[in-house]
Amino acid sequence: MADEPVKGPASYFPSIEKKYGRPIADWLDLVKQRLPAKHMELVALLKTEHGMGHGHANAIVAYALAVPPVQKE
């Protein structure tokens, strides 16, 4: 199981970190701070304000919206 390749939006994460120089956690936090914006509004934000390509922006937004928020106690 541990040797299975990463699939889906997370498969883009290593190249996103390398190309844009920030950890994925930073990008996910940025997207989550803008909620409840729509998916394509968030993609546009990453593209226009951070110069991200469409595929990378879409992967981050898709992942951020799919992962349930952490409950604070």
C-alpha atoms as a PDB file:
ATOM      1  CA  MET A   1       0.000   0.000   0.000  1.00  0.00           C
ATOM      2  CA  ALA A   2       2.721   2.511   0.900  1.00  0.00           C
ATOM      3  CA  ASP A   3       4.342   2.025  -2.526  1.00  0.00           C
ATOM      4  CA  GLU A   4       1.261   3.061  -4.500  1.00  0.00           C
ATOM      5  CA  PRO A   5       1.748   6.251  -6.497  1.00  0.00           C
ATOM      6  CA  VAL A   6      -0.140   9.351  -5.400  1.00  0.00           C
ATOM      7  CA  LYS A   7      -3.164   9.989  -7.596  1.00  0.00           C
ATOM      8  CA  GLY A   8      -5.569  12.852  -8.134  1.00  0.00           C
ATOM      9  CA  PRO A   9      -4.884  16.486  -7.262  1.00  0.00           C
ATOM     10  CA  ALA A  10      -2.175  15.600  -4.726  1.00  0.00           C
ATOM     11  CA  SER A  11      -0.044  14.159  -7.525  1.00  0.00           C
ATOM     12  CA  TYR A  12       0.686  17.755  -8.584  1.00  0.00           C
ATOM     13  CA  PHE A  13       1.948  18.843  -5.158  1.00  0.00           C
ATOM     14  CA  PRO A  14       5.692  18.144  -5.574  1.00  0.00           C
ATOM     15  CA  SER A  15       5.856  20.117  -8.823  1.00  0.00           C
ATOM     16  CA  ILE A  16       3.762  22.952  -7.353  1.00  0.00           C
ATOM     17  CA  GLU A  17       6.098  23.292  -4.379  1.00  0.00           C
ATOM     18  CA  LYS A  18       9.153  23.219  -6.641  1.00  0.00           C
ATOM     19  CA  LYS A  19       7.805  25.704  -9.187  1.00  0.00           C
ATOM     20  CA  TYR A  20       6.226  28.249  -6.827  1.00  0.00           C
ATOM     21  CA  GLY A  21       8.562  27.884  -3.818  1.00  0.00           C
ATOM     22  CA  ARG A  22       5.923  27.561  -1.113  1.00  0.00           C
ATOM     23  CA  PRO A  23       4.693  24.496   0.780  1.00  0.00           C
ATOM     24  CA  ILE A  24       1.306  23.099  -0.178  1.00  0.00           C
ATOM     25  CA  ALA A  25       0.005  23.908   3.307  1.00  0.00           C
ATOM     26  CA  ASP A  26       0.455  27.624   2.509  1.00  0.00           C
ATOM     27  CA  TRP A  27      -1.567  27.327  -0.701  1.00  0.00           C
ATOM     28  CA  LEU A  28      -4.310  25.319   1.014  1.00  0.00           C
ATOM     29  CA  ASP A  29      -4.529  27.891   3.825  1.00  0.00           C
ATOM     30  CA  LEU A  30      -4.754  30.710   1.297  1.00  0.00           C
ATOM     31  CA  VAL A  31      -7.636  28.983  -0.507  1.00  0.00           C
ATOM     32  CA  LYS A  32      -9.474  28.116   2.718  1.00  0.00           C
ATOM     33  CA  GLN A  33      -9.238  31.732   3.908  1.00  0.00           C
ATOM     34  CA  ARG A  34     -11.239  32.779   0.831  1.00  0.00           C
ATOM     35  CA  LEU A  35     -14.115  30.352   1.410  1.00  0.00           C
ATOM     36  CA  PRO A  36     -17.006  30.257   0.689  1.00  0.00           C
ATOM     37  CA  ALA A  37     -15.876  31.339  -2.777  1.00  0.00           C
ATOM     38  CA  LYS A  38     -16.710  29.148  -5.773  1.00  0.00           C
ATOM     39  CA  HIS A  39     -14.219  26.687  -7.230  1.00  0.00           C
ATOM     40  CA  MET A  40     -13.430  28.702 -10.364  1.00  0.00           C
ATOM     41  CA  GLU A  41     -13.190  31.962  -8.399  1.00  0.00           C
ATOM     42  CA  LEU A  42     -10.479  30.350  -6.286  1.00  0.00           C
ATOM     43  CA  VAL A  43      -8.688  29.016  -9.364  1.00  0.00           C
ATOM     44  CA  ALA A  44      -8.780  32.510 -10.877  1.00  0.00           C
ATOM     45  CA  LEU A  45      -7.354  33.971  -7.654  1.00  0.00           C
ATOM     46  CA  LEU A  46      -4.347  31.645  -7.752  1.00  0.00           C
ATOM     47  CA  LYS A  47      -3.804  32.323 -11.439  1.00  0.00           C
ATOM     48  CA  THR A  48      -4.107  36.117 -11.376  1.00  0.00           C
ATOM     49  CA  GLU A  49      -2.656  36.991  -7.974  1.00  0.00           C
ATOM     50  CA  HIS A  50       0.039  34.315  -7.785  1.00  0.00           C
ATOM     51  CA  GLY A  51       0.866  33.520 -11.416  1.00  0.00           C
ATOM     52  CA  MET A  52      -0.088  29.872 -11.082  1.00  0.00           C
ATOM     53  CA  GLY A  53      -0.945  27.761 -14.100  1.00  0.00           C
ATOM     54  CA  HIS A  54      -4.502  26.499 -14.496  1.00  0.00           C
ATOM     55  CA  GLY A  55      -3.726  22.838 -13.797  1.00  0.00           C
ATOM     56  CA  HIS A  56      -1.793  23.593 -10.622  1.00  0.00           C
ATOM     57  CA  ALA A  57      -4.401  26.059  -9.372  1.00  0.00           C
ATOM     58  CA  ASN A  58      -7.210  23.634 -10.098  1.00  0.00           C
ATOM     59  CA  ALA A  59      -5.409  20.815  -8.247  1.00  0.00           C
ATOM     60  CA  ILE A  60      -4.948  22.918  -5.119  1.00  0.00           C
ATOM     61  CA  VAL A  61      -8.554  24.131  -5.109  1.00  0.00           C
ATOM     62  CA  ALA A  62      -9.968  20.656  -5.773  1.00  0.00           C
ATOM     63  CA  TYR A  63      -7.927  19.202  -2.927  1.00  0.00           C
ATOM     64  CA  ALA A  64      -8.769  22.047  -0.532  1.00  0.00           C
ATOM     65  CA  LEU A  65     -12.481  21.683  -1.189  1.00  0.00           C
ATOM     66  CA  ALA A  66     -12.414  17.872  -0.904  1.00  0.00           C
ATOM     67  CA  VAL A  67     -10.651  17.718   2.469  1.00  0.00           C
ATOM     68  CA  PRO A  68     -13.011  18.375   5.391  1.00  0.00           C
ATOM     69  CA  PRO A  69     -12.023  21.293   7.639  1.00  0.00           C
ATOM     70  CA  VAL A  70     -10.268  20.524  10.923  1.00  0.00           C
ATOM     71  CA  GLN A  71     -12.601  20.939  13.890  1.00  0.00           C
ATOM     72  CA  LYS A  72     -11.215  23.263  16.582  1.00  0.00           C
ATOM     73  CA  GLU A  73     -12.076  22.516  20.169  1.00  0.00           C
END
